[in-house]
Protein backbone atom coordinates (compact mmCIF):
# COMPACT_ATOMS: atom_id res chain seq x y z
CA MET A 1 -108.52 98.66 132.92
CA ASN A 2 -106.44 100.04 135.75
CA PRO A 3 -102.62 100.28 135.65
CA ARG A 4 -102.16 97.11 137.71
CA GLN A 5 -104.22 95.10 135.23
CA ARG A 6 -102.31 96.54 132.27
CA ARG A 7 -99.01 95.50 133.88
CA ALA A 8 -100.36 91.99 134.44
CA VAL A 9 -101.43 91.70 130.79
CA LEU A 10 -98.01 92.97 129.62
CA LEU A 11 -96.22 90.45 131.84
CA LEU A 12 -98.40 87.65 130.47
CA ALA A 13 -97.63 88.74 126.92
CA LEU A 14 -93.89 88.82 127.65
CA ALA A 15 -94.09 85.40 129.28
CA GLY A 16 -95.93 84.06 126.22
CA ALA A 17 -93.32 85.50 123.89
CA GLY A 18 -90.59 83.97 126.01
CA LEU A 19 -92.27 80.58 125.88
CA ILE A 20 -92.53 80.81 122.10
CA GLY A 21 -88.83 81.71 121.87
CA VAL A 22 -87.83 78.84 124.13
CA PHE A 23 -90.02 76.46 122.11
CA ALA A 24 -88.32 77.61 118.88
CA LEU A 25 -84.85 77.10 120.38
CA VAL A 26 -85.77 73.64 121.68
CA ALA A 27 -87.31 72.68 118.33
CA ASN A 28 -84.19 73.83 116.47
CA TYR A 29 -81.95 71.90 118.89
CA VAL A 30 -84.05 68.78 118.51
CA SER A 31 -83.90 69.15 114.71
CA GLU A 32 -80.09 69.40 114.83
CA ILE A 33 -79.85 66.35 117.08
CA GLU A 34 -82.11 64.41 114.72
CA SER A 35 -79.92 65.35 111.77
CA GLU A 36 -76.83 64.41 113.77
CA VAL A 37 -78.15 60.96 114.65
CA GLY A 38 -80.22 60.57 111.48
CA ASP A 39 -79.19 59.08 108.10
CA LYS A 40 -75.50 58.32 107.73
CA VAL A 41 -73.42 58.01 104.56
CA VAL A 42 -69.93 56.62 103.83
CA VAL A 43 -67.24 58.82 102.24
CA LEU A 44 -63.53 58.41 101.46
CA GLU A 45 -61.10 60.21 103.76
CA LEU A 46 -57.35 60.57 103.23
CA THR A 47 -55.11 59.11 105.94
CA ARG A 48 -51.80 60.52 104.67
CA PRO A 49 -50.55 63.24 102.28
CA VAL A 50 -50.66 62.65 98.52
CA LYS A 51 -48.59 64.75 96.10
CA ALA A 52 -50.06 66.37 92.98
CA ASN A 53 -50.21 64.13 89.88
CA GLN A 54 -49.90 60.99 92.00
CA ALA A 55 -52.51 58.27 92.18
CA VAL A 56 -54.18 57.76 95.57
CA PRO A 57 -53.27 54.24 96.78
CA ASP A 58 -55.76 52.11 98.67
CA ASN A 59 -53.76 52.31 101.89
CA ALA A 60 -53.96 56.12 101.83
CA VAL A 61 -57.74 56.27 102.24
CA ARG A 62 -60.30 54.94 104.69
CA LEU A 63 -64.07 54.71 104.75
CA ARG A 64 -65.61 57.26 107.11
CA THR A 65 -69.26 57.39 108.17
CA ILE A 66 -70.71 60.89 108.54
CA PRO A 67 -74.22 62.42 108.74
CA SER A 68 -75.72 62.87 105.29
CA ARG A 69 -76.14 66.62 105.88
CA TRP A 70 -72.36 66.96 106.12
CA LYS A 71 -71.59 65.03 102.94
CA PRO A 72 -70.28 67.20 100.06
CA ASP A 73 -72.32 66.69 96.89
CA ALA A 74 -69.25 65.59 94.88
CA ALA A 75 -67.70 63.36 97.57
CA PHE A 76 -66.34 59.95 96.54
CA THR A 77 -67.99 57.03 98.31
CA THR A 78 -66.08 54.03 96.90
CA ARG A 79 -62.44 53.30 96.11
CA GLU A 80 -63.39 52.34 92.55
CA GLN A 81 -64.19 56.00 91.83
CA LEU A 82 -60.48 56.83 92.23
CA THR A 83 -59.43 54.47 89.45
CA GLY A 84 -57.78 56.30 86.54
CA TYR A 85 -57.38 59.60 88.41
CA VAL A 86 -54.54 61.41 90.15
CA ALA A 87 -54.44 64.18 92.72
CA ALA A 88 -55.07 67.56 91.10
CA SER A 89 -52.99 69.27 93.82
CA ASP A 90 -51.19 68.37 97.03
CA LEU A 91 -53.75 66.71 99.33
CA GLN A 92 -53.57 66.64 103.11
CA PRO A 93 -54.71 63.98 105.60
CA ARG A 94 -58.33 63.98 106.88
CA ALA A 95 -59.56 65.56 103.64
CA ILE A 96 -62.77 64.08 102.25
CA LEU A 97 -62.03 63.20 98.63
CA GLN A 98 -64.20 64.98 96.07
CA GLU A 99 -64.34 65.30 92.30
CA GLY A 100 -62.55 68.65 92.25
CA MET A 101 -59.58 67.15 94.10
CA MET A 102 -58.95 64.50 91.44
CA ALA A 103 -58.09 64.84 87.75
CA ALA A 104 -57.15 62.75 84.74
CA PRO A 105 -53.42 61.98 84.70
CA PRO A 106 -51.24 64.21 82.50
CA GLU A 107 -50.22 62.77 79.15
CA ILE A 108 -46.54 63.36 79.85
CA ASN A 109 -44.65 63.13 83.12
CA GLU A 110 -42.05 65.46 84.54
CA GLY A 111 -38.88 65.34 82.45
CA GLU A 112 -40.66 63.96 79.37
CA ARG A 113 -41.27 65.62 76.00
CA GLU A 114 -43.84 65.09 73.28
CA VAL A 115 -42.22 63.96 70.05
CA ALA A 116 -44.01 63.06 66.81
CA ILE A 117 -42.45 60.90 64.11
CA LEU A 118 -43.73 59.59 60.78
CA VAL A 119 -43.97 55.80 60.68
CA ASP A 120 -44.73 53.62 57.67
CA ALA A 121 -48.43 52.77 57.88
CA SER A 122 -48.11 49.21 56.57
CA THR A 123 -45.02 48.02 58.43
CA GLY A 124 -44.89 50.33 61.41
CA VAL A 125 -48.45 50.72 62.64
CA ALA A 126 -50.92 48.44 60.86
CA GLY A 127 -53.85 50.09 62.67
CA LYS A 128 -53.21 48.33 65.99
CA ILE A 129 -51.28 51.01 67.86
CA GLN A 130 -53.48 53.33 69.92
CA PRO A 131 -52.90 56.08 72.51
CA GLY A 132 -51.63 54.39 75.65
CA SER A 133 -49.84 51.60 73.76
CA ASP A 134 -46.24 50.72 74.59
CA VAL A 135 -43.97 50.06 71.63
CA ASP A 136 -40.34 49.45 70.81
CA VAL A 137 -38.95 52.02 68.36
CA ILE A 138 -36.66 50.15 65.96
CA ALA A 139 -34.26 51.70 63.45
CA SER A 140 -32.54 49.89 60.57
CA TYR A 141 -29.30 51.26 59.13
CA ALA A 142 -27.77 50.31 55.78
CA SER A 143 -24.18 49.18 55.51
CA GLU A 144 -21.55 51.86 55.07
CA GLN A 145 -18.24 51.65 53.28
CA GLY A 146 -15.19 52.58 55.27
CA ASP A 147 -12.21 54.76 54.42
CA PRO A 148 -9.14 53.10 55.97
CA GLU A 149 -6.85 55.91 54.83
CA ASN A 150 -8.84 58.38 56.94
CA GLY A 151 -9.49 55.96 59.79
CA VAL A 152 -13.19 55.45 58.98
CA LYS A 153 -14.31 51.86 59.60
CA ALA A 154 -16.86 50.11 57.45
CA LYS A 155 -20.22 49.38 59.06
CA ARG A 156 -22.42 46.40 58.35
CA SER A 157 -26.19 46.72 58.09
CA ARG A 158 -27.76 46.69 61.53
CA THR A 159 -31.12 46.95 63.27
CA ILE A 160 -31.29 48.67 66.65
CA VAL A 161 -33.95 49.12 69.32
CA ILE A 162 -33.38 52.81 69.96
CA VAL A 163 -36.22 53.25 72.48
CA PRO A 164 -37.64 50.22 74.31
CA GLY A 165 -41.16 50.52 75.73
CA ALA A 166 -41.97 54.00 74.37
CA ARG A 167 -45.42 55.26 75.44
CA VAL A 168 -47.75 56.41 72.64
CA ILE A 169 -49.95 59.41 73.48
CA ALA A 170 -51.47 60.15 70.05
CA VAL A 171 -51.86 58.52 66.62
CA GLY A 172 -52.61 60.72 63.62
CA THR A 173 -54.40 60.10 60.34
CA PRO A 174 -52.52 58.17 57.60
CA ARG A 175 -51.31 60.33 54.73
CA LEU A 176 -49.16 59.95 51.63
CA LYS A 177 -45.47 60.06 52.35
CA GLY A 178 -44.87 62.58 49.59
CA ALA A 179 -47.72 64.84 50.66
CA ASN A 180 -45.86 68.11 50.11
CA GLY A 181 -46.83 68.16 46.45
CA ALA A 182 -48.55 66.16 43.69
CA ASN A 183 -45.26 65.19 42.05
CA GLU A 184 -43.80 63.92 45.30
CA ALA A 185 -46.97 61.95 46.02
CA GLN A 186 -46.75 60.28 42.62
CA GLN A 187 -43.09 59.40 43.18
CA ASP A 188 -43.73 57.98 46.67
CA PRO A 189 -47.39 56.92 47.13
CA SER A 190 -46.77 54.97 50.37
CA GLU A 191 -48.66 56.03 53.49
CA VAL A 192 -47.17 57.23 56.75
CA VAL A 193 -48.78 57.86 60.13
CA PRO A 194 -47.69 60.57 62.58
CA VAL A 195 -47.26 58.97 66.01
CA THR A 196 -46.63 61.09 69.10
CA PHE A 197 -44.62 59.71 72.02
CA ALA A 198 -43.73 60.76 75.55
CA LEU A 199 -39.93 60.46 75.63
CA THR A 200 -37.03 61.52 77.79
CA LYS A 201 -34.49 64.02 76.45
CA LYS A 202 -32.00 61.23 75.71
CA GLU A 203 -34.64 59.22 73.85
CA VAL A 204 -35.65 62.30 71.84
CA ILE A 205 -32.06 62.63 70.59
CA LYS A 206 -31.95 58.95 69.62
CA VAL A 207 -35.20 59.22 67.65
CA ALA A 208 -34.10 62.44 65.91
CA HIS A 209 -30.84 60.77 64.87
CA ALA A 210 -32.72 57.74 63.51
CA GLN A 211 -35.13 59.93 61.55
CA THR A 212 -32.18 61.58 59.84
CA PHE A 213 -29.86 58.63 59.20
CA ALA A 214 -31.86 55.38 59.44
CA ALA A 215 -33.03 53.66 56.27
CA ASP A 216 -36.19 52.44 58.02
CA LEU A 217 -37.98 53.33 61.24
CA ARG A 218 -40.76 51.12 62.58
CA LEU A 219 -42.62 50.22 65.75
CA ALA A 220 -43.10 46.89 67.52
CA LEU A 221 -46.21 46.72 69.69
CA LEU A 222 -45.79 45.34 73.21
CA ARG A 223 -48.51 43.22 74.75
CA PRO A 224 -50.34 45.00 77.62
CA GLY A 225 -48.64 44.13 80.87
CA ASP A 226 -45.29 43.24 79.28
CA ASP A 227 -42.24 44.63 81.04
CA PRO A 228 -40.40 47.01 78.65
CA GLY A 229 -37.18 45.85 80.28
CA ARG A 230 -37.57 42.50 78.54
CA THR A 231 -36.47 44.22 75.29
CA LEU A 232 -33.04 43.46 73.89
CA GLU A 233 -30.36 45.87 74.99
CA GLU A 234 -29.72 47.82 71.80
CA THR A 235 -28.26 46.01 68.83
CA ILE A 236 -30.37 43.02 67.81
CA TYR A 237 -29.04 42.41 64.29
CA ARG A 238 -25.69 42.97 62.64
CA GLY A 239 -25.52 41.96 59.03
CA ALA A 240 -25.91 38.21 59.56
CA ASP A 241 -28.79 36.07 60.74
CA PRO A 242 -29.54 36.77 64.40
CA LYS A 243 -27.91 34.19 66.65
CA LYS A 244 -27.68 33.62 70.35
CA GLY A 245 -24.55 35.38 71.43
CA LYS A 246 -22.90 38.74 71.78
CA ASP A 247 -24.84 40.56 69.07
CA GLY A 248 -27.73 38.22 68.52
CA VAL A 249 -31.08 37.43 70.03
CA ARG A 250 -30.94 36.33 73.65
């Protein structure tokens, strides 16, 4: 084979390699186009910012159709999947909502504190109060004799709603009231249940005062959906039968 023939064979080989390369590029481009115009899926996209620990409202998301190859594995595809969750961090518009972006809501909100109190099992709980329940915390105070010489007025027996619509976050196991020792348990065999609430600082002080000075502390379960504001203001009973009026039932 002379030099001219060798050059011709080399040029043919280079041309063949170039054709193969062009074919590979065209095939890859066609594959990308097919994936672009191929199967589509629907995902949820944010339309406005959402702060951390806030639920994502319906008007803050829209349905967006994208190629299936671009869909994150954990992406939400329906609004129902957002129910019961809040933003785990500050979310920005145009973000595709995914599992890692959402979290279960915190048990207590900003400014609240967890407070546990012991409530009589038979009169205060009766097995119906569960985490998530809303209850009125009611304290009953015995009458007190006054001391006119020292300017101390007598107080009649009274029952007061100290915290209306308190949110329960945990209910413990019933135990004997005098559980610190066998003798105490024999003297007071009644059962109490530790109930944990999410309360504001002011409500915490009210409950602590009632635990120390009230003769009885019990809970009144609210029906789901009831407005806690429907509760009586504070004093609902003052020594006499409740009547419609200044200190009675409204």
